[in-house]
All heavy atoms as atom14 arrays in JSON, in Angstrom:
{
  "sequence": "SLSRYGELLEQEDQDLFMWLTRREPAPTENLRQIIELVLSKNSQAS",
  "atom14_mask": [
    [1, 1, 1, 1, 1, 1, 0, 0, 0, 0, 0, 0, 0, 0],
    [1, 1, 1, 1, 1, 1, 1, 1, 0, 0, 0, 0, 0, 0],
    [1, 1, 1, 1, 1, 1, 0, 0, 0, 0, 0, 0, 0, 0],
    [1, 1, 1, 1, 1, 1, 1, 1, 1, 1, 1, 0, 0, 0],
    [1, 1, 1, 1, 1, 1, 1, 1, 1, 1, 1, 1, 0, 0],
    [1, 1, 1, 1, 0, 0, 0, 0, 0, 0, 0, 0, 0, 0],
    [1, 1, 1, 1, 1, 1, 1, 1, 1, 0, 0, 0, 0, 0],
    [1, 1, 1, 1, 1, 1, 1, 1, 0, 0, 0, 0, 0, 0],
    [1, 1, 1, 1, 1, 1, 1, 1, 0, 0, 0, 0, 0, 0],
    [1, 1, 1, 1, 1, 1, 1, 1, 1, 0, 0, 0, 0, 0],
    [1, 1, 1, 1, 1, 1, 1, 1, 1, 0, 0, 0, 0, 0],
    [1, 1, 1, 1, 1, 1, 1, 1, 1, 0, 0, 0, 0, 0],
    [1, 1, 1, 1, 1, 1, 1, 1, 0, 0, 0, 0, 0, 0],
    [1, 1, 1, 1, 1, 1, 1, 1, 1, 0, 0, 0, 0, 0],
    [1, 1, 1, 1, 1, 1, 1, 1, 0, 0, 0, 0, 0, 0],
    [1, 1, 1, 1, 1, 1, 1, 1, 0, 0, 0, 0, 0, 0],
    [1, 1, 1, 1, 1, 1, 1, 1, 1, 1, 1, 0, 0, 0],
    [1, 1, 1, 1, 1, 1, 1, 1, 0, 0, 0, 0, 0, 0],
    [1, 1, 1, 1, 1, 1, 1, 1, 1, 1, 1, 1, 1, 1],
    [1, 1, 1, 1, 1, 1, 1, 1, 0, 0, 0, 0, 0, 0],
    [1, 1, 1, 1, 1, 1, 1, 0, 0, 0, 0, 0, 0, 0],
    [1, 1, 1, 1, 1, 1, 1, 1, 1, 1, 1, 0, 0, 0],
    [1, 1, 1, 1, 1, 1, 1, 1, 1, 1, 1, 0, 0, 0],
    [1, 1, 1, 1, 1, 1, 1, 1, 1, 0, 0, 0, 0, 0],
    [1, 1, 1, 1, 1, 1, 1, 0, 0, 0, 0, 0, 0, 0],
    [1, 1, 1, 1, 1, 0, 0, 0, 0, 0, 0, 0, 0, 0],
    [1, 1, 1, 1, 1, 1, 1, 0, 0, 0, 0, 0, 0, 0],
    [1, 1, 1, 1, 1, 1, 1, 0, 0, 0, 0, 0, 0, 0],
    [1, 1, 1, 1, 1, 1, 1, 1, 1, 0, 0, 0, 0, 0],
    [1, 1, 1, 1, 1, 1, 1, 1, 0, 0, 0, 0, 0, 0],
    [1, 1, 1, 1, 1, 1, 1, 1, 0, 0, 0, 0, 0, 0],
    [1, 1, 1, 1, 1, 1, 1, 1, 1, 1, 1, 0, 0, 0],
    [1, 1, 1, 1, 1, 1, 1, 1, 1, 0, 0, 0, 0, 0],
    [1, 1, 1, 1, 1, 1, 1, 1, 0, 0, 0, 0, 0, 0],
    [1, 1, 1, 1, 1, 1, 1, 1, 0, 0, 0, 0, 0, 0],
    [1, 1, 1, 1, 1, 1, 1, 1, 1, 0, 0, 0, 0, 0],
    [1, 1, 1, 1, 1, 1, 1, 1, 0, 0, 0, 0, 0, 0],
    [1, 1, 1, 1, 1, 1, 1, 0, 0, 0, 0, 0, 0, 0],
    [1, 1, 1, 1, 1, 1, 1, 1, 0, 0, 0, 0, 0, 0],
    [1, 1, 1, 1, 1, 1, 0, 0, 0, 0, 0, 0, 0, 0],
    [1, 1, 1, 1, 1, 1, 1, 1, 1, 0, 0, 0, 0, 0],
    [1, 1, 1, 1, 1, 1, 1, 1, 0, 0, 0, 0, 0, 0],
    [1, 1, 1, 1, 1, 1, 0, 0, 0, 0, 0, 0, 0, 0],
    [1, 1, 1, 1, 1, 1, 1, 1, 1, 0, 0, 0, 0, 0],
    [1, 1, 1, 1, 1, 0, 0, 0, 0, 0, 0, 0, 0, 0],
    [1, 1, 1, 1, 1, 1, 0, 0, 0, 0, 0, 0, 0, 0]
  ],
  "atom14_positions": [
    [[99.04, 109.98, 112.76], [98.33, 110.92, 113.61], [99.26, 111.9, 114.28], [98.9, 113.08, 114.4], [97.47, 110.11, 114.65], [96.51, 109.32, 114.02], [0.0, 0.0, 0.0], [0.0, 0.0, 0.0], [0.0, 0.0, 0.0], [0.0, 0.0, 0.0], [0.0, 0.0, 0.0], [0.0, 0.0, 0.0], [0.0, 0.0, 0.0], [0.0, 0.0, 0.0]],
    [[100.45, 111.43, 114.7], [101.44, 112.38, 115.21], [101.87, 113.43, 114.21], [101.99, 114.57, 114.5], [102.67, 111.63, 115.72], [102.52, 110.94, 117.04], [103.71, 110.0, 117.34], [102.29, 111.86, 118.17], [0.0, 0.0, 0.0], [0.0, 0.0, 0.0], [0.0, 0.0, 0.0], [0.0, 0.0, 0.0], [0.0, 0.0, 0.0], [0.0, 0.0, 0.0]],
    [[102.01, 112.99, 112.97], [102.38, 113.92, 111.89], [101.26, 114.96, 111.69], [101.54, 116.12, 111.51], [102.58, 113.11, 110.57], [102.98, 114.03, 109.57], [0.0, 0.0, 0.0], [0.0, 0.0, 0.0], [0.0, 0.0, 0.0], [0.0, 0.0, 0.0], [0.0, 0.0, 0.0], [0.0, 0.0, 0.0], [0.0, 0.0, 0.0], [0.0, 0.0, 0.0]],
    [[100.0, 114.48, 111.7], [98.89, 115.43, 111.58], [98.82, 116.36, 112.73], [98.52, 117.54, 112.54], [97.6, 114.64, 111.39], [97.42, 113.86, 110.09], [96.17, 113.02, 110.05], [96.09, 112.36, 108.78], [95.44, 111.28, 108.56], [94.73, 110.72, 109.5], [95.41, 110.71, 107.38], [0.0, 0.0, 0.0], [0.0, 0.0, 0.0], [0.0, 0.0, 0.0]],
    [[99.07, 115.86, 113.92], [98.99, 116.75, 115.12], [100.09, 117.8, 114.97], [99.88, 118.97, 115.32], [99.14, 115.94, 116.35], [98.81, 116.7, 117.61], [97.55, 117.21, 117.86], [99.76, 117.08, 118.52], [97.21, 117.94, 119.0], [99.53, 117.86, 119.61], [98.25, 118.21, 119.86], [97.92, 119.04, 120.95], [0.0, 0.0, 0.0], [0.0, 0.0, 0.0]],
    [[101.29, 117.31, 114.56], [102.37, 118.36, 114.36], [101.96, 119.42, 113.4], [102.31, 120.6, 113.52], [0.0, 0.0, 0.0], [0.0, 0.0, 0.0], [0.0, 0.0, 0.0], [0.0, 0.0, 0.0], [0.0, 0.0, 0.0], [0.0, 0.0, 0.0], [0.0, 0.0, 0.0], [0.0, 0.0, 0.0], [0.0, 0.0, 0.0], [0.0, 0.0, 0.0]],
    [[101.33, 118.95, 112.25], [100.86, 119.96, 111.24], [99.79, 120.86, 111.86], [99.88, 122.1, 111.6], [100.21, 119.14, 110.08], [99.74, 120.04, 108.96], [99.08, 119.28, 107.87], [99.19, 118.04, 107.81], [98.48, 119.99, 107.0], [0.0, 0.0, 0.0], [0.0, 0.0, 0.0], [0.0, 0.0, 0.0], [0.0, 0.0, 0.0], [0.0, 0.0, 0.0]],
    [[98.95, 120.4, 112.74], [97.96, 121.19, 113.4], [98.63, 122.25, 114.27], [98.24, 123.43, 114.24], [97.01, 120.35, 114.27], [95.93, 120.94, 114.95], [94.84, 121.42, 113.98], [95.25, 120.16, 116.0], [0.0, 0.0, 0.0], [0.0, 0.0, 0.0], [0.0, 0.0, 0.0], [0.0, 0.0, 0.0], [0.0, 0.0, 0.0], [0.0, 0.0, 0.0]],
    [[99.69, 121.83, 115.07], [100.32, 122.78, 115.9], [101.09, 123.92, 115.18], [101.4, 124.94, 115.79], [101.31, 122.04, 116.82], [100.65, 121.09, 117.85], [101.76, 120.36, 118.57], [99.71, 121.8, 118.74], [0.0, 0.0, 0.0], [0.0, 0.0, 0.0], [0.0, 0.0, 0.0], [0.0, 0.0, 0.0], [0.0, 0.0, 0.0], [0.0, 0.0, 0.0]],
    [[101.33, 123.71, 113.91], [102.03, 124.72, 113.11], [101.06, 125.88, 112.63], [101.52, 126.92, 112.15], [102.59, 124.16, 111.82], [103.79, 123.18, 112.16], [104.24, 122.45, 110.87], [103.74, 122.71, 109.82], [105.16, 121.61, 111.04], [0.0, 0.0, 0.0], [0.0, 0.0, 0.0], [0.0, 0.0, 0.0], [0.0, 0.0, 0.0], [0.0, 0.0, 0.0]],
    [[99.78, 125.71, 112.88], [98.76, 126.66, 112.41], [98.67, 127.82, 113.38], [98.98, 127.71, 114.59], [97.38, 125.95, 112.2], [97.49, 124.71, 111.38], [98.08, 124.96, 110.04], [97.67, 125.89, 109.29], [99.09, 124.14, 109.65], [0.0, 0.0, 0.0], [0.0, 0.0, 0.0], [0.0, 0.0, 0.0], [0.0, 0.0, 0.0], [0.0, 0.0, 0.0]],
    [[98.08, 128.91, 112.88], [97.83, 130.08, 113.73], [96.72, 129.82, 114.76], [95.74, 129.13, 114.46], [97.41, 131.33, 112.87], [98.5, 131.72, 111.86], [99.66, 132.35, 112.51], [99.51, 133.01, 113.57], [100.8, 132.19, 111.98], [0.0, 0.0, 0.0], [0.0, 0.0, 0.0], [0.0, 0.0, 0.0], [0.0, 0.0, 0.0], [0.0, 0.0, 0.0]],
    [[96.93, 130.45, 115.89], [95.82, 130.25, 116.95], [94.45, 130.59, 116.52], [93.48, 129.9, 116.89], [96.26, 131.08, 118.22], [97.4, 130.47, 118.97], [97.87, 129.4, 118.57], [97.87, 131.16, 119.93], [0.0, 0.0, 0.0], [0.0, 0.0, 0.0], [0.0, 0.0, 0.0], [0.0, 0.0, 0.0], [0.0, 0.0, 0.0], [0.0, 0.0, 0.0]],
    [[94.24, 131.67, 115.78], [92.91, 132.16, 115.39], [92.3, 131.0, 114.5], [91.1, 130.74, 114.54], [92.91, 133.49, 114.74], [93.24, 134.6, 115.65], [92.27, 134.74, 116.78], [91.15, 134.1, 116.87], [92.59, 135.56, 117.76], [0.0, 0.0, 0.0], [0.0, 0.0, 0.0], [0.0, 0.0, 0.0], [0.0, 0.0, 0.0], [0.0, 0.0, 0.0]],
    [[93.13, 130.43, 113.64], [92.6, 129.42, 112.77], [92.19, 128.2, 113.59], [91.1, 127.59, 113.42], [93.64, 128.99, 111.67], [93.88, 130.16, 110.61], [92.95, 130.92, 110.41], [95.02, 130.2, 110.12], [0.0, 0.0, 0.0], [0.0, 0.0, 0.0], [0.0, 0.0, 0.0], [0.0, 0.0, 0.0], [0.0, 0.0, 0.0], [0.0, 0.0, 0.0]],
    [[93.08, 127.8, 114.46], [92.79, 126.67, 115.34], [91.48, 126.87, 116.07], [90.69, 125.93, 116.22], [93.96, 126.4, 116.32], [95.3, 125.87, 115.78], [96.31, 125.82, 116.9], [95.07, 124.6, 115.15], [0.0, 0.0, 0.0], [0.0, 0.0, 0.0], [0.0, 0.0, 0.0], [0.0, 0.0, 0.0], [0.0, 0.0, 0.0], [0.0, 0.0, 0.0]],
    [[91.36, 128.05, 116.62], [90.16, 128.38, 117.44], [88.88, 128.21, 116.5], [87.88, 127.6, 116.88], [90.17, 129.79, 117.89], [88.94, 130.16, 118.67], [88.73, 129.73, 119.98], [88.03, 131.05, 118.09], [87.52, 130.09, 120.6], [86.89, 131.36, 118.81], [86.64, 130.87, 120.03], [0.0, 0.0, 0.0], [0.0, 0.0, 0.0], [0.0, 0.0, 0.0]],
    [[88.91, 128.7, 115.28], [87.69, 128.63, 114.39], [87.47, 127.06, 114.06], [86.3, 126.71, 113.97], [88.03, 129.38, 113.07], [88.16, 130.87, 113.32], [86.72, 131.61, 114.09], [85.59, 131.75, 112.77], [0.0, 0.0, 0.0], [0.0, 0.0, 0.0], [0.0, 0.0, 0.0], [0.0, 0.0, 0.0], [0.0, 0.0, 0.0], [0.0, 0.0, 0.0]],
    [[88.54, 126.34, 113.85], [88.32, 124.95, 113.48], [87.88, 124.11, 114.65], [86.99, 123.27, 114.48], [89.65, 124.33, 112.85], [90.14, 125.11, 111.73], [89.42, 125.87, 110.78], [91.52, 125.19, 111.29], [90.29, 126.35, 109.84], [91.55, 125.96, 110.1], [92.7, 124.61, 111.77], [92.73, 126.22, 109.44], [93.85, 124.8, 111.08], [93.9, 125.65, 109.95]],
    [[88.49, 124.31, 115.82], [88.16, 123.49, 116.93], [86.85, 123.82, 117.61], [86.28, 123.04, 118.34], [89.3, 123.63, 118.01], [90.59, 122.9, 117.68], [91.71, 123.34, 118.55], [90.42, 121.38, 117.76], [0.0, 0.0, 0.0], [0.0, 0.0, 0.0], [0.0, 0.0, 0.0], [0.0, 0.0, 0.0], [0.0, 0.0, 0.0], [0.0, 0.0, 0.0]],
    [[86.3, 125.0, 117.3], [85.01, 125.38, 117.69], [83.94, 125.11, 116.63], [82.86, 125.48, 116.8], [84.94, 126.8, 118.19], [85.35, 127.63, 117.14], [85.76, 127.06, 119.43], [0.0, 0.0, 0.0], [0.0, 0.0, 0.0], [0.0, 0.0, 0.0], [0.0, 0.0, 0.0], [0.0, 0.0, 0.0], [0.0, 0.0, 0.0], [0.0, 0.0, 0.0]],
    [[84.38, 124.55, 115.46], [83.55, 124.18, 114.42], [82.87, 125.38, 113.75], [81.83, 125.22, 113.13], [82.52, 123.07, 114.75], [83.18, 121.77, 115.24], [82.09, 120.84, 115.51], [82.58, 119.66, 116.22], [82.9, 118.5, 115.7], [82.74, 118.37, 114.36], [83.31, 117.48, 116.44], [0.0, 0.0, 0.0], [0.0, 0.0, 0.0], [0.0, 0.0, 0.0]],
    [[83.45, 126.53, 113.86], [82.91, 127.67, 113.18], [83.34, 127.73, 111.73], [82.64, 128.38, 110.89], [83.46, 128.98, 113.87], [82.83, 129.06, 115.21], [83.29, 130.32, 116.0], [82.65, 130.26, 117.32], [83.02, 131.08, 118.24], [83.98, 132.03, 118.1], [82.37, 130.99, 119.45], [0.0, 0.0, 0.0], [0.0, 0.0, 0.0], [0.0, 0.0, 0.0]],
    [[84.47, 127.07, 111.38], [84.91, 126.96, 109.98], [85.51, 125.57, 109.89], [86.14, 125.05, 110.79], [85.96, 128.02, 109.67], [85.49, 129.37, 109.53], [86.64, 130.34, 109.14], [87.78, 129.92, 108.93], [86.37, 131.54, 109.18], [0.0, 0.0, 0.0], [0.0, 0.0, 0.0], [0.0, 0.0, 0.0], [0.0, 0.0, 0.0], [0.0, 0.0, 0.0]],
    [[85.45, 124.94, 108.67], [86.15, 123.71, 108.5], [87.61, 123.92, 108.22], [88.0, 124.97, 107.56], [85.46, 123.08, 107.23], [85.0, 124.3, 106.55], [84.65, 125.31, 107.56], [0.0, 0.0, 0.0], [0.0, 0.0, 0.0], [0.0, 0.0, 0.0], [0.0, 0.0, 0.0], [0.0, 0.0, 0.0], [0.0, 0.0, 0.0], [0.0, 0.0, 0.0]],
    [[88.47, 123.06, 108.67], [89.87, 123.11, 108.41], [90.15, 122.97, 106.85], [89.28, 122.27, 106.17], [90.67, 122.09, 109.14], [0.0, 0.0, 0.0], [0.0, 0.0, 0.0], [0.0, 0.0, 0.0], [0.0, 0.0, 0.0], [0.0, 0.0, 0.0], [0.0, 0.0, 0.0], [0.0, 0.0, 0.0], [0.0, 0.0, 0.0], [0.0, 0.0, 0.0]],
    [[91.15, 123.5, 106.31], [91.28, 123.51, 104.84], [91.74, 122.21, 104.24], [91.56, 121.98, 103.0], [92.33, 124.6, 104.56], [93.1, 124.63, 105.9], [92.14, 124.3, 106.97], [0.0, 0.0, 0.0], [0.0, 0.0, 0.0], [0.0, 0.0, 0.0], [0.0, 0.0, 0.0], [0.0, 0.0, 0.0], [0.0, 0.0, 0.0], [0.0, 0.0, 0.0]],
    [[92.35, 121.3, 105.0], [92.74, 120.02, 104.45], [92.14, 118.78, 105.19], [91.72, 118.91, 106.36], [94.29, 119.83, 104.51], [94.64, 119.74, 105.84], [95.02, 120.98, 103.87], [0.0, 0.0, 0.0], [0.0, 0.0, 0.0], [0.0, 0.0, 0.0], [0.0, 0.0, 0.0], [0.0, 0.0, 0.0], [0.0, 0.0, 0.0], [0.0, 0.0, 0.0]],
    [[92.09, 117.75, 104.5], [91.52, 116.49, 105.1], [92.37, 116.05, 106.3], [91.85, 115.6, 107.3], [91.5, 115.39, 104.03], [90.82, 114.09, 104.58], [89.38, 114.25, 105.0], [88.68, 115.13, 104.54], [88.92, 113.52, 105.97], [0.0, 0.0, 0.0], [0.0, 0.0, 0.0], [0.0, 0.0, 0.0], [0.0, 0.0, 0.0], [0.0, 0.0, 0.0]],
    [[93.65, 116.18, 106.22], [94.51, 115.76, 107.34], [94.22, 116.52, 108.58], [94.1, 116.06, 109.68], [96.01, 115.96, 107.0], [96.53, 114.83, 106.12], [95.97, 113.72, 105.98], [97.62, 115.06, 105.51], [0.0, 0.0, 0.0], [0.0, 0.0, 0.0], [0.0, 0.0, 0.0], [0.0, 0.0, 0.0], [0.0, 0.0, 0.0], [0.0, 0.0, 0.0]],
    [[94.08, 117.89, 108.4], [93.69, 118.74, 109.54], [92.31, 118.41, 110.05], [92.11, 118.34, 111.32], [93.84, 120.2, 109.18], [95.27, 120.72, 109.0], [95.23, 122.13, 108.44], [96.05, 120.67, 110.3], [0.0, 0.0, 0.0], [0.0, 0.0, 0.0], [0.0, 0.0, 0.0], [0.0, 0.0, 0.0], [0.0, 0.0, 0.0], [0.0, 0.0, 0.0]],
    [[91.42, 118.16, 109.19], [90.03, 117.84, 109.64], [89.99, 116.52, 110.5], [89.32, 116.38, 111.46], [89.06, 117.73, 108.4], [88.68, 119.1, 107.8], [87.63, 119.05, 106.81], [87.99, 118.32, 105.56], [88.54, 118.93, 104.54], [88.85, 120.23, 104.57], [88.83, 118.23, 103.48], [0.0, 0.0, 0.0], [0.0, 0.0, 0.0], [0.0, 0.0, 0.0]],
    [[90.82, 115.53, 110.03], [90.86, 114.26, 110.73], [91.47, 114.43, 112.15], [90.86, 113.86, 113.14], [91.61, 113.27, 109.93], [90.91, 112.8, 108.73], [91.63, 111.7, 107.89], [92.75, 111.28, 108.26], [91.01, 111.3, 106.81], [0.0, 0.0, 0.0], [0.0, 0.0, 0.0], [0.0, 0.0, 0.0], [0.0, 0.0, 0.0], [0.0, 0.0, 0.0]],
    [[92.57, 115.18, 112.24], [93.14, 115.29, 113.62], [92.25, 116.15, 114.48], [92.21, 115.9, 115.68], [94.61, 115.81, 113.53], [95.31, 115.55, 114.87], [94.63, 117.23, 113.12], [95.5, 114.06, 115.24], [0.0, 0.0, 0.0], [0.0, 0.0, 0.0], [0.0, 0.0, 0.0], [0.0, 0.0, 0.0], [0.0, 0.0, 0.0], [0.0, 0.0, 0.0]],
    [[91.6, 117.22, 113.93], [90.67, 117.93, 114.74], [89.54, 117.05, 115.29], [89.15, 117.19, 116.43], [90.15, 119.15, 113.89], [91.25, 120.18, 113.79], [88.87, 119.78, 114.51], [90.99, 121.27, 112.78], [0.0, 0.0, 0.0], [0.0, 0.0, 0.0], [0.0, 0.0, 0.0], [0.0, 0.0, 0.0], [0.0, 0.0, 0.0], [0.0, 0.0, 0.0]],
    [[88.99, 116.23, 114.4], [87.92, 115.29, 114.85], [88.4, 114.45, 115.97], [87.73, 114.14, 116.95], [87.39, 114.54, 113.72], [86.52, 115.34, 112.74], [85.41, 116.02, 113.49], [84.67, 115.45, 114.29], [85.23, 117.23, 113.16], [0.0, 0.0, 0.0], [0.0, 0.0, 0.0], [0.0, 0.0, 0.0], [0.0, 0.0, 0.0], [0.0, 0.0, 0.0]],
    [[89.61, 113.95, 115.88], [90.22, 113.09, 116.94], [90.37, 113.85, 118.23], [89.97, 113.39, 119.33], [91.62, 112.52, 116.48], [92.25, 111.58, 117.48], [91.39, 110.34, 117.69], [93.62, 111.18, 116.88], [0.0, 0.0, 0.0], [0.0, 0.0, 0.0], [0.0, 0.0, 0.0], [0.0, 0.0, 0.0], [0.0, 0.0, 0.0], [0.0, 0.0, 0.0]],
    [[90.88, 115.08, 118.18], [91.04, 115.98, 119.36], [89.69, 116.13, 119.96], [89.5, 115.98, 121.18], [91.77, 117.27, 119.04], [91.67, 118.24, 120.18], [93.15, 117.08, 118.56], [0.0, 0.0, 0.0], [0.0, 0.0, 0.0], [0.0, 0.0, 0.0], [0.0, 0.0, 0.0], [0.0, 0.0, 0.0], [0.0, 0.0, 0.0], [0.0, 0.0, 0.0]],
    [[88.69, 116.52, 119.22], [87.34, 116.87, 119.76], [86.72, 115.61, 120.28], [86.02, 115.59, 121.34], [86.51, 117.53, 118.63], [86.93, 118.93, 118.22], [86.11, 119.39, 117.09], [86.93, 119.83, 119.41], [0.0, 0.0, 0.0], [0.0, 0.0, 0.0], [0.0, 0.0, 0.0], [0.0, 0.0, 0.0], [0.0, 0.0, 0.0], [0.0, 0.0, 0.0]],
    [[86.86, 114.45, 119.6], [86.23, 113.19, 120.14], [86.91, 112.77, 121.43], [86.16, 112.34, 122.38], [86.32, 112.05, 119.08], [87.64, 111.59, 118.93], [0.0, 0.0, 0.0], [0.0, 0.0, 0.0], [0.0, 0.0, 0.0], [0.0, 0.0, 0.0], [0.0, 0.0, 0.0], [0.0, 0.0, 0.0], [0.0, 0.0, 0.0], [0.0, 0.0, 0.0]],
    [[88.19, 112.92, 121.57], [88.88, 112.55, 122.86], [88.41, 113.42, 123.98], [88.25, 113.03, 125.08], [90.36, 112.49, 122.68], [90.93, 111.51, 121.77], [90.76, 110.09, 122.28], [91.37, 109.08, 121.33], [91.27, 107.72, 121.84], [0.0, 0.0, 0.0], [0.0, 0.0, 0.0], [0.0, 0.0, 0.0], [0.0, 0.0, 0.0], [0.0, 0.0, 0.0]],
    [[88.28, 114.73, 123.61], [87.83, 115.62, 124.68], [86.41, 115.38, 125.11], [86.09, 115.48, 126.25], [87.96, 117.09, 124.17], [89.36, 117.63, 124.44], [89.78, 117.95, 125.52], [90.15, 117.68, 123.4], [0.0, 0.0, 0.0], [0.0, 0.0, 0.0], [0.0, 0.0, 0.0], [0.0, 0.0, 0.0], [0.0, 0.0, 0.0], [0.0, 0.0, 0.0]],
    [[85.53, 115.09, 124.21], [84.15, 114.79, 124.52], [84.08, 113.49, 125.34], [83.21, 113.4, 126.21], [83.17, 114.72, 123.32], [83.53, 113.67, 122.49], [0.0, 0.0, 0.0], [0.0, 0.0, 0.0], [0.0, 0.0, 0.0], [0.0, 0.0, 0.0], [0.0, 0.0, 0.0], [0.0, 0.0, 0.0], [0.0, 0.0, 0.0], [0.0, 0.0, 0.0]],
    [[84.93, 112.49, 125.03], [84.93, 111.29, 125.8], [85.42, 111.5, 127.27], [84.95, 110.93, 128.23], [85.88, 110.26, 125.12], [85.36, 109.65, 123.84], [86.43, 108.78, 123.18], [87.46, 108.52, 123.69], [86.01, 108.39, 121.93], [0.0, 0.0, 0.0], [0.0, 0.0, 0.0], [0.0, 0.0, 0.0], [0.0, 0.0, 0.0], [0.0, 0.0, 0.0]],
    [[86.45, 112.41, 127.35], [86.99, 112.7, 128.63], [86.01, 113.46, 129.6], [85.91, 113.27, 130.77], [88.28, 113.58, 128.55], [0.0, 0.0, 0.0], [0.0, 0.0, 0.0], [0.0, 0.0, 0.0], [0.0, 0.0, 0.0], [0.0, 0.0, 0.0], [0.0, 0.0, 0.0], [0.0, 0.0, 0.0], [0.0, 0.0, 0.0], [0.0, 0.0, 0.0]],
    [[85.17, 114.28, 128.95], [84.12, 115.03, 129.71], [82.89, 114.26, 129.97], [82.04, 114.72, 130.69], [83.89, 116.36, 129.04], [83.23, 116.15, 127.78], [0.0, 0.0, 0.0], [0.0, 0.0, 0.0], [0.0, 0.0, 0.0], [0.0, 0.0, 0.0], [0.0, 0.0, 0.0], [0.0, 0.0, 0.0], [0.0, 0.0, 0.0], [0.0, 0.0, 0.0]]
  ]
}
């Protein structure tokens, strides 16, 4: 998961925005999995 998160952080902000707001799917399964984890942890926190 740390490796996936590191890969996520290497991406462009506009792409991250589109993926994290679910406007577009991330291009790889690894990125999709870490995005789901980020979003699920944020929804749990709120």
